[in-house]
N, C-alpha and C. Protein backbone atom coordinates (compact mmCIF):
# COMPACT_ATOMS: atom_id res chain seq x y z
N MET A 1 252.57 193.00 56.05
CA MET A 1 251.17 192.72 55.82
C MET A 1 250.93 192.80 54.31
N GLU A 2 250.25 191.82 53.81
CA GLU A 2 249.92 191.76 52.39
C GLU A 2 248.69 192.62 52.09
N GLY A 3 248.58 193.05 50.87
CA GLY A 3 247.45 193.88 50.45
C GLY A 3 246.12 193.17 50.57
N THR A 4 246.10 191.85 50.26
CA THR A 4 244.83 191.11 50.35
C THR A 4 244.37 191.00 51.80
N GLU A 5 245.31 190.80 52.72
CA GLU A 5 244.96 190.72 54.13
C GLU A 5 244.41 192.06 54.64
N LEU A 6 245.03 193.14 54.22
CA LEU A 6 244.56 194.48 54.58
C LEU A 6 243.16 194.72 54.04
N ASN A 7 242.91 194.31 52.81
CA ASN A 7 241.58 194.47 52.22
C ASN A 7 240.53 193.68 53.00
N ARG A 8 240.89 192.47 53.47
CA ARG A 8 239.96 191.68 54.28
C ARG A 8 239.65 192.39 55.60
N TRP A 9 240.66 192.97 56.22
CA TRP A 9 240.44 193.69 57.48
C TRP A 9 239.52 194.89 57.27
N ILE A 10 239.76 195.61 56.19
CA ILE A 10 238.92 196.79 55.90
C ILE A 10 237.49 196.35 55.64
N ALA A 11 237.29 195.31 54.85
CA ALA A 11 235.94 194.82 54.56
C ALA A 11 235.26 194.34 55.83
N ALA A 12 235.99 193.65 56.71
CA ALA A 12 235.41 193.16 57.95
C ALA A 12 235.00 194.32 58.86
N SER A 13 235.80 195.36 58.92
CA SER A 13 235.45 196.50 59.78
C SER A 13 234.25 197.25 59.23
N ARG A 14 234.12 197.32 57.92
CA ARG A 14 232.96 198.00 57.33
C ARG A 14 231.68 197.24 57.60
N THR A 15 231.70 195.92 57.48
CA THR A 15 230.49 195.14 57.74
C THR A 15 230.12 195.18 59.21
N ALA A 16 231.11 195.23 60.10
CA ALA A 16 230.83 195.31 61.53
C ALA A 16 230.18 196.64 61.88
N GLN A 17 230.56 197.72 61.20
CA GLN A 17 229.98 199.04 61.46
C GLN A 17 228.62 199.18 60.82
N ALA A 18 228.37 198.46 59.73
CA ALA A 18 227.13 198.62 58.98
C ALA A 18 225.96 197.88 59.59
N LYS A 19 226.19 196.97 60.56
CA LYS A 19 225.11 196.22 61.17
C LYS A 19 224.22 197.17 61.97
N PRO A 20 222.91 197.15 61.72
CA PRO A 20 222.02 198.03 62.47
C PRO A 20 221.88 197.56 63.91
N SER A 21 221.80 198.51 64.81
CA SER A 21 221.63 198.17 66.22
C SER A 21 220.14 198.05 66.53
N VAL A 22 219.83 197.30 67.54
CA VAL A 22 218.45 197.12 67.96
C VAL A 22 218.07 198.32 68.82
N ALA A 23 216.95 198.95 68.48
CA ALA A 23 216.50 200.13 69.21
C ALA A 23 215.81 199.72 70.51
N THR A 24 216.15 200.39 71.58
CA THR A 24 215.50 200.16 72.87
C THR A 24 214.30 201.09 72.97
N PRO A 25 213.36 200.81 73.87
CA PRO A 25 212.20 201.71 74.03
C PRO A 25 212.60 203.14 74.33
N ALA A 26 213.69 203.35 75.06
CA ALA A 26 214.12 204.71 75.38
C ALA A 26 214.56 205.44 74.11
N GLN A 27 215.16 204.73 73.17
CA GLN A 27 215.61 205.36 71.94
C GLN A 27 214.45 205.68 71.01
N THR A 28 213.41 204.87 71.01
CA THR A 28 212.29 205.10 70.10
C THR A 28 211.40 206.24 70.58
N SER A 29 211.48 206.61 71.85
CA SER A 29 210.65 207.69 72.36
C SER A 29 211.43 209.01 72.45
N PHE A 30 212.50 209.12 71.68
CA PHE A 30 213.31 210.34 71.68
C PHE A 30 212.49 211.51 71.16
N VAL A 31 212.53 212.61 71.90
CA VAL A 31 211.83 213.84 71.50
C VAL A 31 212.89 214.90 71.22
N PRO A 32 212.95 215.43 70.00
CA PRO A 32 213.94 216.47 69.70
C PRO A 32 213.82 217.65 70.64
N GLU A 33 214.94 218.28 70.93
CA GLU A 33 214.95 219.39 71.89
C GLU A 33 214.06 220.53 71.43
N GLN A 34 213.99 220.79 70.13
CA GLN A 34 213.13 221.88 69.65
C GLN A 34 211.67 221.60 69.98
N ALA A 35 211.25 220.33 70.00
CA ALA A 35 209.86 220.00 70.31
C ALA A 35 209.56 220.28 71.78
N ARG A 36 210.58 220.22 72.64
CA ARG A 36 210.40 220.47 74.06
C ARG A 36 210.66 221.92 74.43
N ALA A 37 211.06 222.74 73.49
CA ALA A 37 211.42 224.11 73.77
C ALA A 37 210.18 224.91 74.19
N PRO A 38 210.34 225.76 75.21
CA PRO A 38 209.21 226.60 75.63
C PRO A 38 208.96 227.72 74.62
N SER A 39 207.83 228.36 74.74
CA SER A 39 207.51 229.52 73.91
C SER A 39 208.06 230.77 74.57
N CYS A 40 208.41 231.75 73.77
CA CYS A 40 208.93 233.01 74.29
C CYS A 40 207.83 233.72 75.08
N PRO A 41 208.15 234.19 76.29
CA PRO A 41 207.15 234.89 77.09
C PRO A 41 206.79 236.26 76.52
N VAL A 42 207.61 236.79 75.62
CA VAL A 42 207.37 238.12 75.05
C VAL A 42 206.59 238.04 73.74
N CYS A 43 207.06 237.19 72.79
CA CYS A 43 206.44 237.17 71.45
C CYS A 43 205.86 235.82 71.05
N SER A 44 205.93 234.81 71.91
CA SER A 44 205.40 233.46 71.69
C SER A 44 206.11 232.68 70.59
N SER A 45 207.28 233.09 70.15
CA SER A 45 208.07 232.33 69.18
C SER A 45 208.76 231.18 69.90
N ALA A 46 209.35 230.27 69.13
CA ALA A 46 210.10 229.15 69.72
C ALA A 46 211.36 229.69 70.38
N MET A 47 211.78 229.02 71.44
CA MET A 47 213.01 229.40 72.13
C MET A 47 214.13 228.46 71.69
N GLN A 48 215.37 228.92 71.83
CA GLN A 48 216.55 228.13 71.51
C GLN A 48 217.45 228.09 72.73
N LYS A 49 218.08 226.93 72.98
CA LYS A 49 219.00 226.81 74.10
C LYS A 49 220.29 227.55 73.75
N ARG A 50 220.74 228.41 74.64
CA ARG A 50 221.94 229.21 74.43
C ARG A 50 222.82 229.16 75.67
N VAL A 51 224.05 229.64 75.54
CA VAL A 51 224.99 229.71 76.66
C VAL A 51 225.40 231.16 76.85
N ALA A 52 225.30 231.66 78.09
CA ALA A 52 225.66 233.04 78.40
C ALA A 52 227.16 233.24 78.17
N LYS A 53 227.50 234.27 77.41
CA LYS A 53 228.90 234.55 77.09
C LYS A 53 229.49 235.67 77.94
N ARG A 54 228.63 236.38 78.67
CA ARG A 54 229.12 237.44 79.55
C ARG A 54 228.11 237.70 80.66
N GLY A 55 228.51 238.49 81.61
CA GLY A 55 227.63 238.82 82.73
C GLY A 55 227.80 237.85 83.89
N ALA A 56 226.91 237.94 84.85
CA ALA A 56 227.00 237.14 86.08
C ALA A 56 226.75 235.66 85.82
N ASN A 57 226.06 235.31 84.75
CA ASN A 57 225.71 233.92 84.45
C ASN A 57 226.58 233.31 83.36
N ILE A 58 227.78 233.81 83.16
CA ILE A 58 228.66 233.34 82.09
C ILE A 58 228.84 231.83 82.16
N GLY A 59 228.67 231.16 81.03
CA GLY A 59 228.81 229.72 80.94
C GLY A 59 227.55 228.94 81.25
N ASN A 60 226.54 229.57 81.79
CA ASN A 60 225.28 228.90 82.11
C ASN A 60 224.36 228.88 80.90
N GLU A 61 223.55 227.81 80.80
CA GLU A 61 222.59 227.70 79.71
C GLU A 61 221.29 228.44 80.06
N PHE A 62 220.62 228.91 79.01
CA PHE A 62 219.31 229.54 79.17
C PHE A 62 218.55 229.40 77.86
N TRP A 63 217.24 229.61 77.90
CA TRP A 63 216.44 229.62 76.69
C TRP A 63 216.36 231.06 76.19
N GLY A 64 216.77 231.30 74.93
CA GLY A 64 216.69 232.61 74.32
C GLY A 64 215.75 232.59 73.13
N CYS A 65 215.07 233.67 72.87
CA CYS A 65 214.11 233.74 71.77
C CYS A 65 214.80 233.52 70.44
N SER A 66 214.15 232.76 69.57
CA SER A 66 214.70 232.50 68.23
C SER A 66 214.65 233.75 67.35
N GLN A 67 213.92 234.77 67.75
CA GLN A 67 213.81 236.01 66.98
C GLN A 67 214.83 237.06 67.43
N PHE A 68 215.78 236.67 68.31
CA PHE A 68 216.83 237.60 68.74
C PHE A 68 217.59 238.11 67.53
N PRO A 69 217.92 239.38 67.42
CA PRO A 69 217.86 240.48 68.37
C PRO A 69 216.56 241.28 68.34
N LYS A 70 215.62 240.91 67.44
CA LYS A 70 214.35 241.63 67.40
C LYS A 70 213.60 241.48 68.72
N CYS A 71 213.62 240.28 69.30
CA CYS A 71 212.99 240.03 70.59
C CYS A 71 214.05 239.52 71.54
N LYS A 72 214.09 240.03 72.74
CA LYS A 72 215.13 239.65 73.72
C LYS A 72 214.55 238.84 74.87
N GLY A 73 213.45 238.12 74.60
CA GLY A 73 212.84 237.30 75.64
C GLY A 73 213.74 236.13 76.04
N ILE A 74 213.79 235.81 77.33
CA ILE A 74 214.59 234.69 77.84
C ILE A 74 213.81 233.93 78.91
N VAL A 75 214.20 232.67 79.11
CA VAL A 75 213.73 231.84 80.21
C VAL A 75 214.96 231.22 80.80
N GLN A 76 215.22 231.43 82.09
CA GLN A 76 216.44 230.93 82.69
C GLN A 76 216.29 229.57 83.33
N ASP A 77 215.06 229.12 83.61
CA ASP A 77 214.86 227.81 84.23
C ASP A 77 214.94 226.74 83.17
N LEU A 78 215.94 225.86 83.29
CA LEU A 78 216.07 224.77 82.32
C LEU A 78 215.49 223.56 82.92
């Protein structure tokens, strides 16, 4: 393979990746997860999605207070 041919391939792949995609209505109505996060039932701060690392619910997701360890409020219903 010649260097000029390789350069053409690289340039072609860059232009193919740089083309903007057309947004669908589902993509334009995306709501960030933080905007959908519930408020802490203990201190009313924003909650963050976390994964249990120990205990009976290991590996399961839950909402934990963003002020942890100062506040230990949780919501288990996702």
